Amino acid sequence: MFFDLLLLTTLLTLSYQDVCHQYINSLWLILPLLFGALFYRTPIWLLFSIYCLCLVINILSGERFIGNGDLDVLATLSLYVTFQQFWFICTIACACQLFFHLLTHKQMIAFIPAITMGYIVFLVQQIWIK
């Protein structure tokens, strides 16, 4: 539970930065990334390979679809949850973004708050099950 709270606190901080500046300081992810790498659930080489591939595709597309900071957060998150849980969180995040886009009609929307919302829903679900 300590690691979940550490990641949640970091996500809340980065959400605030993303909403205010449309930019995050990825250095906030160092501590959760280190703890996640020590106790990872997925082979670290696989996650690193997928992350590098996503970064290359994102840079080649000019960051039109998702920012590199969002990819950093998703890569860190993937160290803490299983593959199915990761897709659950991403589905909740995308649903939040679609709803927010329908309300605001903005072209650029901060995605980290939606990831945070998905993670909160996931944590509440985990607590509810226990």
Foldseek 3Di string as FASTA:
>chain_A
DVLLVLLLVLLVVQLVVCQVPVDGDLVSCPVLQVVLVVQFPDPPVVLVVVLVVVVVVCVVVVVQPHDNSVSSSLSSVNSVDPPVLSVQLVVQLVVVVVVVCVVPVDSDDRSSVSSSVSSVVSVVVVVVVD
